[in-house]
């Protein structure tokens, strides 16, 4: 059984973090990344924003962004294909051989946040050491045993899990709140009442799980 780690990476030179700082009202999730043979890095970014004009202005003003294109536009959620000029450092090659799988990857003004599966503690330590070699601050927030392909908390249905994740990534639980119930409901194409019920039932299962059991 492998390990699941939740951690934060931070570097002042990280263009994704600089972008997040420029639009703190937006929630940015990395859906995919890949470096081309010529050097530029392609990021597929999912953005939840109140004003996409502000976000796109930030993309235009970020020196590392060479170009961007909207892939999809659904109410308060847009997906962008973005090309960044920065090259990954050579030390990044070490991570290609790391036995790991990214589950979630989102960016805020204080860093890149990841939920990631590792084959074992040695792989996690190797990943951490590679980050530190590159001058990237690695801060572990949570570590527990992976329970299998489905990491949902027992009792939380697929629809409840989807609603909780969408609300979290949209900033619905932030203080101050970054998205309304309507914003999240529109992103899921469901009614406000249906979303409220899913969030209520899902939160109840989450509280029951964490108040009765401690993660490993």
Protein backbone atom coordinates (compact mmCIF):
# COMPACT_ATOMS: atom_id res chain seq x y z
CA UNK A 1 0.00 0.00 0.00
CA UNK A 2 1.41 3.38 -1.03
CA UNK A 3 1.33 6.78 0.57
CA UNK A 4 -0.69 9.90 -0.19
CA UNK A 5 0.97 13.22 0.62
CA UNK A 6 -0.52 16.70 0.68
CA UNK A 7 2.16 19.36 0.47
CA UNK A 8 3.08 22.86 -0.68
CA UNK A 9 5.88 23.94 -3.00
CA UNK A 10 7.09 27.53 -3.03
CA UNK A 11 9.62 29.55 -5.02
CA UNK A 12 9.62 33.32 -5.51
CA UNK A 13 10.54 32.82 -9.18
CA UNK A 14 7.60 30.49 -9.89
CA UNK A 15 5.49 32.17 -12.63
CA UNK A 16 2.37 30.23 -11.63
CA UNK A 17 2.58 31.67 -8.12
CA UNK A 18 3.16 35.14 -9.54
CA UNK A 19 0.05 34.71 -11.66
CA UNK A 20 -1.98 33.58 -8.63
CA UNK A 21 -0.76 36.63 -6.70
CA UNK A 22 -1.98 38.90 -9.49
CA UNK A 23 -5.51 37.47 -9.27
CA UNK A 24 -6.07 36.37 -5.65
CA UNK A 25 -9.82 36.28 -6.25
CA UNK A 26 -9.38 33.40 -8.74
CA UNK A 27 -8.90 29.71 -8.02
CA UNK A 28 -6.33 28.11 -10.36
CA UNK A 29 -6.05 24.37 -10.90
CA UNK A 30 -3.39 22.73 -13.09
CA UNK A 31 -5.08 20.05 -15.18
CA UNK A 32 -2.01 19.11 -17.25
CA UNK A 33 1.58 20.18 -17.86
CA UNK A 34 4.18 19.19 -20.43
CA UNK A 35 7.49 20.63 -21.60
CA UNK A 36 8.07 20.85 -25.34
CA UNK A 37 11.34 19.82 -26.95
CA UNK A 38 12.04 23.48 -27.71
CA UNK A 39 11.76 24.42 -24.05
CA UNK A 40 8.44 26.20 -23.40
CA UNK A 41 6.09 24.58 -20.91
CA UNK A 42 2.42 23.99 -21.67
CA UNK A 43 -0.01 24.26 -18.77
CA UNK A 44 -3.72 23.53 -19.03
CA UNK A 45 -5.20 25.75 -16.31
CA UNK A 46 -8.74 25.65 -14.96
CA UNK A 47 -9.74 29.02 -13.54
CA UNK A 48 -12.73 29.85 -11.36
CA UNK A 49 -13.09 33.64 -11.31
CA UNK A 50 -15.56 36.41 -10.79
CA UNK A 51 -13.91 38.38 -13.59
CA UNK A 52 -12.16 36.57 -16.40
CA UNK A 53 -11.21 39.90 -17.91
CA UNK A 54 -8.99 40.47 -14.86
CA UNK A 55 -7.49 36.99 -15.13
CA UNK A 56 -6.77 37.31 -18.84
CA UNK A 57 -5.19 40.71 -18.24
CA UNK A 58 -2.93 39.03 -15.67
CA UNK A 59 -1.98 36.38 -18.25
CA UNK A 60 -1.12 39.10 -20.75
CA UNK A 61 0.98 40.97 -18.18
CA UNK A 62 2.88 37.93 -16.89
CA UNK A 63 6.30 37.99 -18.66
CA UNK A 64 6.61 34.20 -18.63
CA UNK A 65 3.36 33.66 -20.57
CA UNK A 66 3.99 33.45 -24.31
CA UNK A 67 0.40 32.80 -25.35
CA UNK A 68 -2.92 31.52 -24.07
CA UNK A 69 -6.14 30.23 -25.60
CA UNK A 70 -9.52 29.54 -24.04
CA UNK A 71 -10.44 25.86 -24.41
CA UNK A 72 -13.82 25.95 -22.69
CA UNK A 73 -16.06 28.57 -21.11
CA UNK A 74 -18.82 27.48 -18.75
CA UNK A 75 -20.29 30.22 -16.55
CA UNK A 76 -17.79 30.84 -13.74
CA UNK A 77 -15.25 28.26 -14.96
CA UNK A 78 -12.86 28.54 -17.90
CA UNK A 79 -10.09 26.24 -19.07
CA UNK A 80 -7.02 27.76 -20.73
CA UNK A 81 -4.20 26.31 -22.81
CA UNK A 82 -1.19 28.40 -21.77
CA UNK A 83 2.42 28.40 -22.95
CA UNK A 84 5.12 29.57 -20.53
CA UNK A 85 8.64 30.44 -21.69
CA UNK A 86 10.41 29.27 -18.54
CA UNK A 87 12.35 26.03 -18.84
CA UNK A 88 12.31 23.44 -16.11
CA UNK A 89 15.82 23.14 -14.59
CA UNK A 90 17.90 20.06 -15.42
CA UNK A 91 17.37 18.76 -11.88
CA UNK A 92 13.69 18.37 -12.75
CA UNK A 93 14.65 15.27 -14.76
CA UNK A 94 15.10 13.41 -11.47
CA UNK A 95 11.38 13.72 -10.83
CA UNK A 96 10.56 11.93 -14.11
CA UNK A 97 11.76 8.70 -12.53
CA UNK A 98 9.96 9.28 -9.24
CA UNK A 99 7.24 6.69 -8.66
CA UNK A 100 4.37 9.04 -8.05
CA UNK A 101 0.96 10.14 -9.30
CA UNK A 102 -0.53 13.63 -9.02
CA UNK A 103 -4.15 13.61 -7.85
CA UNK A 104 -4.72 17.35 -7.44
CA UNK A 105 -2.62 20.40 -8.19
CA UNK A 106 -3.77 23.94 -7.50
CA UNK A 107 -2.01 27.26 -7.14
CA UNK A 108 -2.48 30.14 -4.70
CA UNK A 109 -0.44 33.20 -3.80
CA UNK A 110 1.44 31.21 -1.15
CA UNK A 111 2.50 28.30 -3.33
CA UNK A 112 1.69 25.30 -5.47
CA UNK A 113 -0.44 22.84 -3.51
CA UNK A 114 -0.42 19.17 -4.42
CA UNK A 115 -2.11 15.97 -3.37
CA UNK A 116 0.10 13.19 -4.68
CA UNK A 117 0.48 9.42 -4.34
CA UNK A 118 3.94 7.90 -3.75
CA UNK A 119 4.99 4.27 -3.94
CA UNK A 120 6.66 4.47 -0.52
CA UNK A 121 8.44 6.81 1.91
CA UNK A 122 11.73 6.54 0.01
CA UNK A 123 10.05 7.92 -3.14
CA UNK A 124 8.56 10.78 -1.12
CA UNK A 125 11.97 11.57 0.41
CA UNK A 126 13.61 11.52 -3.04
CA UNK A 127 10.95 13.91 -4.38
CA UNK A 128 11.46 16.27 -1.43
CA UNK A 129 15.26 16.19 -1.85
CA UNK A 130 14.97 16.96 -5.60
CA UNK A 131 12.78 19.97 -4.85
CA UNK A 132 15.25 21.29 -2.31
CA UNK A 133 18.14 20.89 -4.77
CA UNK A 134 16.24 23.25 -7.08
CA UNK A 135 15.75 25.80 -4.31
CA UNK A 136 12.05 24.99 -3.99
CA UNK A 137 10.62 25.05 -0.49
CA UNK A 138 8.82 21.76 0.29
CA UNK A 139 6.35 21.79 3.17
CA UNK A 140 4.49 18.58 4.03
CA UNK A 141 0.96 19.19 5.37
CA UNK A 142 -0.46 15.70 5.61
CA UNK A 143 0.69 12.11 5.02
CA UNK A 144 -1.43 8.95 5.13
CA UNK A 145 -1.68 5.51 3.57
CA UNK A 146 -3.41 5.33 0.20
CA UNK A 147 -6.55 3.22 0.41
CA UNK A 148 -6.87 2.37 -3.28
CA UNK A 149 -8.11 3.91 -6.50
CA UNK A 150 -11.16 5.49 -4.86
CA UNK A 151 -9.95 7.91 -2.19
CA UNK A 152 -13.38 9.19 -1.24
CA UNK A 153 -14.27 9.17 2.43
CA UNK A 154 -16.66 6.29 3.27
CA UNK A 155 -20.26 7.43 3.00
CA UNK A 156 -19.52 10.33 0.63
CA UNK A 157 -21.19 9.64 -2.70
CA UNK A 158 -19.62 10.48 -6.05
CA UNK A 159 -21.96 13.45 -6.51
CA UNK A 160 -21.27 14.72 -2.98
CA UNK A 161 -17.53 14.37 -3.56
CA UNK A 162 -17.84 16.29 -6.84
CA UNK A 163 -19.82 19.06 -5.13
CA UNK A 164 -17.41 19.37 -2.20
CA UNK A 165 -14.40 19.51 -4.50
CA UNK A 166 -15.99 22.08 -6.82
CA UNK A 167 -16.99 24.26 -3.87
CA UNK A 168 -13.54 24.01 -2.32
CA UNK A 169 -11.68 24.83 -5.53
CA UNK A 170 -14.04 27.72 -6.29
CA UNK A 171 -13.32 29.28 -2.90
CA UNK A 172 -16.81 28.74 -1.49
CA UNK A 173 -15.35 27.77 1.90
CA UNK A 174 -12.81 30.61 1.95
CA UNK A 175 -13.03 33.54 4.38
CA UNK A 176 -14.06 35.84 2.83
CA UNK A 177 -16.04 33.63 0.45
CA UNK A 178 -14.75 33.76 -3.15
CA UNK A 179 -17.73 32.10 -4.86
CA UNK A 180 -21.45 31.93 -4.17
CA UNK A 181 -23.66 28.86 -4.00
CA UNK A 182 -25.02 29.91 -7.39
CA UNK A 183 -21.51 30.12 -8.90
CA UNK A 184 -20.69 26.57 -7.82
CA UNK A 185 -24.11 25.23 -8.82
CA UNK A 186 -23.76 26.76 -12.29
CA UNK A 187 -20.31 25.17 -12.73
CA UNK A 188 -21.90 21.76 -12.01
CA UNK A 189 -25.05 22.52 -14.02
CA UNK A 190 -27.33 21.74 -11.07
CA UNK A 191 -29.79 23.78 -8.98
CA UNK A 192 -28.78 25.68 -5.85
CA UNK A 193 -31.01 23.45 -3.71
CA UNK A 194 -29.43 20.27 -5.12
CA UNK A 195 -25.95 21.62 -4.45
CA UNK A 196 -26.86 22.72 -0.91
CA UNK A 197 -28.15 19.22 -0.11
CA UNK A 198 -25.02 17.53 -1.53
CA UNK A 199 -22.73 19.86 0.42
CA UNK A 200 -24.71 19.36 3.63
CA UNK A 201 -24.69 15.56 3.39
CA UNK A 202 -21.10 15.42 2.21
CA UNK A 203 -19.85 17.66 5.02
CA UNK A 204 -21.72 15.54 7.55
CA UNK A 205 -19.89 12.40 6.36
CA UNK A 206 -16.53 14.21 6.36
CA UNK A 207 -17.01 15.43 9.94
CA UNK A 208 -18.14 12.00 11.07
CA UNK A 209 -15.06 10.42 9.48
CA UNK A 210 -12.48 12.81 10.90
CA UNK A 211 -14.01 13.11 14.35
CA UNK A 212 -14.07 9.33 14.77
CA UNK A 213 -10.90 8.28 12.94
CA UNK A 214 -7.42 9.77 12.63
CA UNK A 215 -5.61 9.48 9.24
CA UNK A 216 -2.41 7.42 9.30
